[in-house]
Amino acid sequence: MTNGPGPGRTFAVDVTAPGNPRHGFDVFRSGWEAQVGEAYPAPAFAPGSTGDFRISARAVKAHESVIADVHSESLIGTNEGVSPQRDDQVLMHVVRRHAWSFTRRRDGELTVAAGHFMLQRSGPPTFEVARHTSAKVLILPASALGPLTAERLITGSAASAEMRLLLAHVNLVGETVQDLTPAGAQAAQHALIELVKGVLRQQADGTEQRLGHALVRAAKDLADSRLTDPGLSPSVLARELSVSVRTLHRAFAAAEETVSGHIRRSRLERARLELLAPAGRPGISELAAHWQFADSSHFIRAFKSQYGLTPAEFARTSGGAEPGTG
């Protein structure tokens, strides 16, 4: 187990080594309370006589919410939720590898495969099985989500526009949480909760200013995965992310750039990297066509504007043969 200096914003623990399941959970819980704080308790877990508890986790805390990357070598037992003396919680599991099974008496068994999520409100005991499974787990205050969670297991695809927007914000919080002020951490949680509401309602309100950073991140990730698509445009990105084109442009303006500018710069950077290849270096016309520039002249002008050199000059300074023009 990795020990921190005391309750804070980060947590890391590893109890994947074979051993007594109850002891493994006790080590996990004590590490959680020492590093995250008793105000945000880990849900109680009962391995049972045939159960197992071998997991590792790395987590960050944003105000009253926790975001954890969890790897389960073997987890078999009952999640008993939080004690009645604690505030109610909502848990969201976004499964990334293999599957995580949940069984409740009135809901039956539900298996969540990779690429899907499950959201539950702590309450009825839930029997869980997860072997060689990786997941992103969110722990949120239930009061902030109101009646949207109800008392049921809620599942869906992690590929929806709403989930992509949520996960982009989750990643951004993980990267910046150590530098956030208390007010910033609270704002990050507010945005997190609004995005979860968007998932539950199957719509994300991108007009909220606090969601702007997450929207820009999600749009950039989506654009960067489609740079060779001739149809890539701000309207396509807005449609995929379920926001208006105006909302998308406003979010980028707040970040002091434009949607089209990001796409052009990203395409030029990919072309620049291809020019560094020691062998099989593509020609100028080929690069222009592949990265969706109107023609070679347009590509050369854009490249020189961004890097101060023409593609041929850049190739010469980086070593190797000059790219052909055909």
Foldseek 3Di string as FASTA:
>chain_A
DDADPFADFKAWDWQQDDDDQVVSVVVVQVRCCGHNNPLQGDFDWDQPPPGHFGKIWMWGAQQNKIKIKIWTQKGWTKRQGDDPVHFKKKKKKQWAAAWKWKAFPVQGIDIGGHQKMKMAIRDGIITMIDHRTIIIMMIGGPVLLPCLRPHDIDMDGCQALLNLLLVLLVVVCVVCVVPDDSVRSVLSNVLNSQSVNCVSVVHHDLQDLSSLVSLQSSLLVVLLVCQQPLPDDLCVSCVRNRHHSVSNQVSVVVVVDGSVRSSLVSLLVVLLVLLLDQPPRAAQQVSCNRRNHPGSVRSQVSNCVVPVHGSQVSSVVSDHDGHHHD
